[in-house]
Protein backbone atom coordinates (compact mmCIF):
# COMPACT_ATOMS: atom_id res chain seq x y z
CA MET A 1 6.02 79.63 86.29
CA ARG A 2 3.23 78.76 83.84
CA THR A 3 1.33 81.86 84.90
CA LEU A 4 4.42 83.97 84.16
CA LEU A 5 4.78 82.37 80.72
CA LYS A 6 1.09 82.95 79.97
CA LEU A 7 1.39 86.60 81.04
CA SER A 8 4.52 87.02 78.89
CA ALA A 9 2.74 85.53 75.88
CA LEU A 10 -0.25 87.78 76.51
CA GLY A 11 2.06 90.79 76.74
CA LEU A 12 3.65 89.90 73.40
CA THR A 13 0.23 89.45 71.84
CA LEU A 14 -0.85 92.86 73.10
CA LEU A 15 2.37 94.66 72.14
CA LEU A 16 2.63 93.47 68.55
CA PRO A 17 -0.69 94.94 67.40
CA ALA A 18 0.18 98.19 69.19
CA TYR A 19 3.48 98.38 67.30
CA LEU A 20 1.83 97.58 63.98
CA ALA A 21 -0.71 100.34 64.64
CA ALA A 22 2.06 102.90 65.31
CA ASP A 23 2.09 105.94 63.05
CA VAL A 24 4.60 105.38 60.24
CA ARG A 25 4.12 108.72 58.49
CA TRP A 26 7.35 110.69 58.38
CA PRO A 27 7.43 114.43 59.00
CA GLY A 28 8.04 116.30 55.76
CA GLU A 29 10.07 119.40 56.46
CA GLY A 30 13.72 118.77 57.18
CA TRP A 31 13.52 115.00 56.78
CA GLU A 32 14.94 112.74 54.10
CA VAL A 33 13.33 109.29 53.91
CA ARG A 34 14.57 106.51 51.62
CA PRO A 35 12.60 103.24 51.55
CA THR A 36 14.74 100.39 50.22
CA GLN A 37 14.43 96.78 49.18
CA MET A 38 17.38 95.91 51.45
CA SER A 39 16.87 93.97 54.65
CA TYR A 40 17.39 95.72 57.97
CA GLN A 41 20.77 94.03 58.52
CA GLU A 42 21.89 94.70 54.94
CA LEU A 43 21.05 98.38 55.26
CA LEU A 44 22.84 98.69 58.61
CA SER A 45 25.94 97.06 57.15
CA SER A 46 25.85 99.16 54.00
CA LEU A 47 25.31 102.34 56.03
CA GLY A 48 28.36 101.56 58.19
CA ALA A 49 30.53 101.06 55.12
CA ALA A 50 29.21 104.27 53.52
CA ILE A 51 29.91 106.31 56.67
CA GLU A 52 33.49 105.09 56.66
CA ALA A 53 33.88 105.67 52.91
CA GLU A 54 32.71 109.28 53.32
CA GLU A 55 35.32 109.72 56.07
CA MET A 56 32.82 110.25 58.86
CA ALA A 57 32.56 108.28 62.10
CA VAL A 58 29.87 106.40 63.98
CA VAL A 59 29.76 108.20 67.33
CA THR A 60 26.69 106.52 68.82
CA GLU A 61 24.58 103.54 67.89
CA VAL A 62 21.51 102.47 69.79
CA GLY A 63 18.15 100.85 69.27
CA PRO A 64 15.45 99.04 71.23
CA THR A 65 15.31 95.87 69.11
CA GLU A 66 18.02 93.83 70.83
CA ALA A 67 17.13 95.02 74.34
CA ALA A 68 13.47 94.17 73.73
CA ALA A 69 14.45 90.71 72.48
CA ASN A 70 16.47 90.18 75.67
CA ARG A 71 13.20 90.79 77.55
CA GLY A 72 11.31 88.38 75.28
CA VAL A 73 9.63 91.12 73.25
CA ILE A 74 10.05 90.88 69.50
CA ILE A 75 9.83 94.13 67.52
CA PRO A 76 11.00 95.03 64.02
CA GLY A 77 14.57 96.29 63.61
CA ASN A 78 15.07 99.85 64.78
CA ARG A 79 18.47 101.55 65.06
CA VAL A 80 19.66 105.13 65.48
CA VAL A 81 23.20 105.73 64.20
CA GLY A 82 24.86 108.98 65.29
CA VAL A 83 27.42 110.23 62.77
CA PHE A 84 29.91 113.07 63.06
CA ARG A 85 33.59 113.97 62.88
CA ASN A 86 35.77 115.87 65.34
CA ASP A 87 36.85 118.64 62.95
CA TYR A 88 33.18 119.53 62.42
CA ALA A 89 32.61 119.46 66.18
CA VAL A 90 35.49 121.88 66.79
CA GLN A 91 34.32 124.15 63.97
CA ILE A 92 30.73 124.24 65.23
CA LEU A 93 31.85 124.84 68.81
CA SER A 94 33.82 127.85 67.62
CA LEU A 95 30.58 129.24 66.14
CA SER A 96 27.95 128.18 68.69
CA VAL A 97 28.35 126.24 71.91
CA PRO A 98 24.58 125.55 72.16
CA ALA A 99 24.50 124.10 68.61
CA MET A 100 26.72 121.19 69.65
CA ILE A 101 23.79 119.65 71.54
CA GLU A 102 22.63 118.54 68.08
CA ALA A 103 25.76 116.51 67.31
CA PRO A 104 26.03 113.79 66.29
CA ILE A 105 23.52 113.97 63.47
CA ARG A 106 21.55 110.74 63.32
CA PHE A 107 20.55 108.28 60.66
CA TYR A 108 17.54 106.14 61.50
CA VAL A 109 17.22 102.59 60.13
CA THR A 110 13.82 100.96 60.50
CA GLU A 111 12.57 97.55 59.45
CA ASN A 112 9.30 97.53 57.51
CA GLU A 113 6.50 94.96 57.75
CA ASP A 114 7.60 93.31 54.47
CA GLY A 115 11.18 92.77 55.74
CA SER A 116 12.65 95.68 53.80
CA ALA A 117 14.25 98.65 55.57
CA THR A 118 14.02 102.43 55.43
CA LEU A 119 16.85 104.92 55.89
CA SER A 120 15.87 108.33 57.20
CA TRP A 121 17.53 111.36 58.74
CA LYS A 122 16.96 114.98 59.60
CA THR A 123 19.13 117.13 57.36
CA PRO A 124 21.96 118.91 59.18
CA SER A 125 20.75 122.28 57.88
CA HIS A 126 17.35 121.59 59.46
CA VAL A 127 18.92 120.42 62.72
CA PHE A 128 21.19 123.47 63.01
CA ALA A 129 18.62 126.00 61.73
CA PRO A 130 17.63 127.27 65.21
CA TYR A 131 21.23 128.32 65.88
CA ILE A 132 22.05 129.96 62.54
CA GLU A 133 20.42 133.33 63.34
CA GLN A 134 22.75 133.84 66.30
CA ALA A 135 25.83 132.05 64.94
CA GLY A 136 25.66 133.51 61.45
CA PRO A 137 26.34 132.37 57.91
CA GLU A 138 29.44 130.38 58.88
CA LEU A 139 27.28 127.86 60.74
CA GLU A 140 24.88 127.75 57.81
CA ALA A 141 27.80 126.94 55.49
CA VAL A 142 28.93 124.08 57.75
CA ALA A 143 25.36 122.74 57.88
CA VAL A 144 25.07 122.82 54.07
CA GLU A 145 28.42 121.02 53.77
CA LEU A 146 27.14 118.37 56.18
CA ASP A 147 23.91 118.10 54.14
CA GLU A 148 26.03 117.10 51.15
CA ILE A 149 28.02 114.55 53.15
CA PHE A 150 24.89 112.98 54.66
CA ALA A 151 23.26 112.79 51.22
CA ALA A 152 26.42 111.13 49.86
CA ILE A 153 26.40 108.61 52.72
CA ALA A 154 22.77 107.78 52.00
CA GLU A 155 23.32 107.41 48.26
CA ARG A 156 26.39 105.22 48.79
CA SER A 157 24.62 103.05 51.37
CA LEU A 158 21.65 102.50 49.05
CA SER A 159 23.81 101.60 46.06
CA GLU A 160 26.02 99.02 47.77
C-alpha cells in the first residue's frame, strides 16, 4: 500500500509541472478570450446565469477537473460548456445537415495560476465558416446572429 501511495505522490509531482508547462497561448483567428479577476467557480456560476438570461440553454457541460480529482490528480479548473437552442438547431439543419456537427457552440472556462479564470470561445461565425459556401448567406446570417448572442452572454457573465 505504501508503494502505491509513493507512486501516486510521484505521479502527482510529475503531472503538475507538465500541466504548468502547457502552452497557454490562445489561437487568434476566430477566438474570443476574456481573462477575468473572477474565480473559476464564480465565472462558471455567472456564465450559467448569463446563458439563461440570454434565453439560450446549456446543452453539454464537461471538464476533466472533477474526474481527475476523483483519481487523486489535482489540476486547475477546466470546463467546456456547450450552449445552443433548439430553434437555431432546426434553422441550421434546414440550411446544412453537416453544419450541425458544430452545435452546440462551446464556452471554455479555465482557471489561471493566480486563481482567476478566463472565458473563451470560438465565434459561431468562425465555427460555421466551412459550411457557409455551400449553405449560402442564410447560414452566415444565423452565425452572425449567434455571434451577437455569444458576445452578449460573455459581457453579461463578466459584469455580474
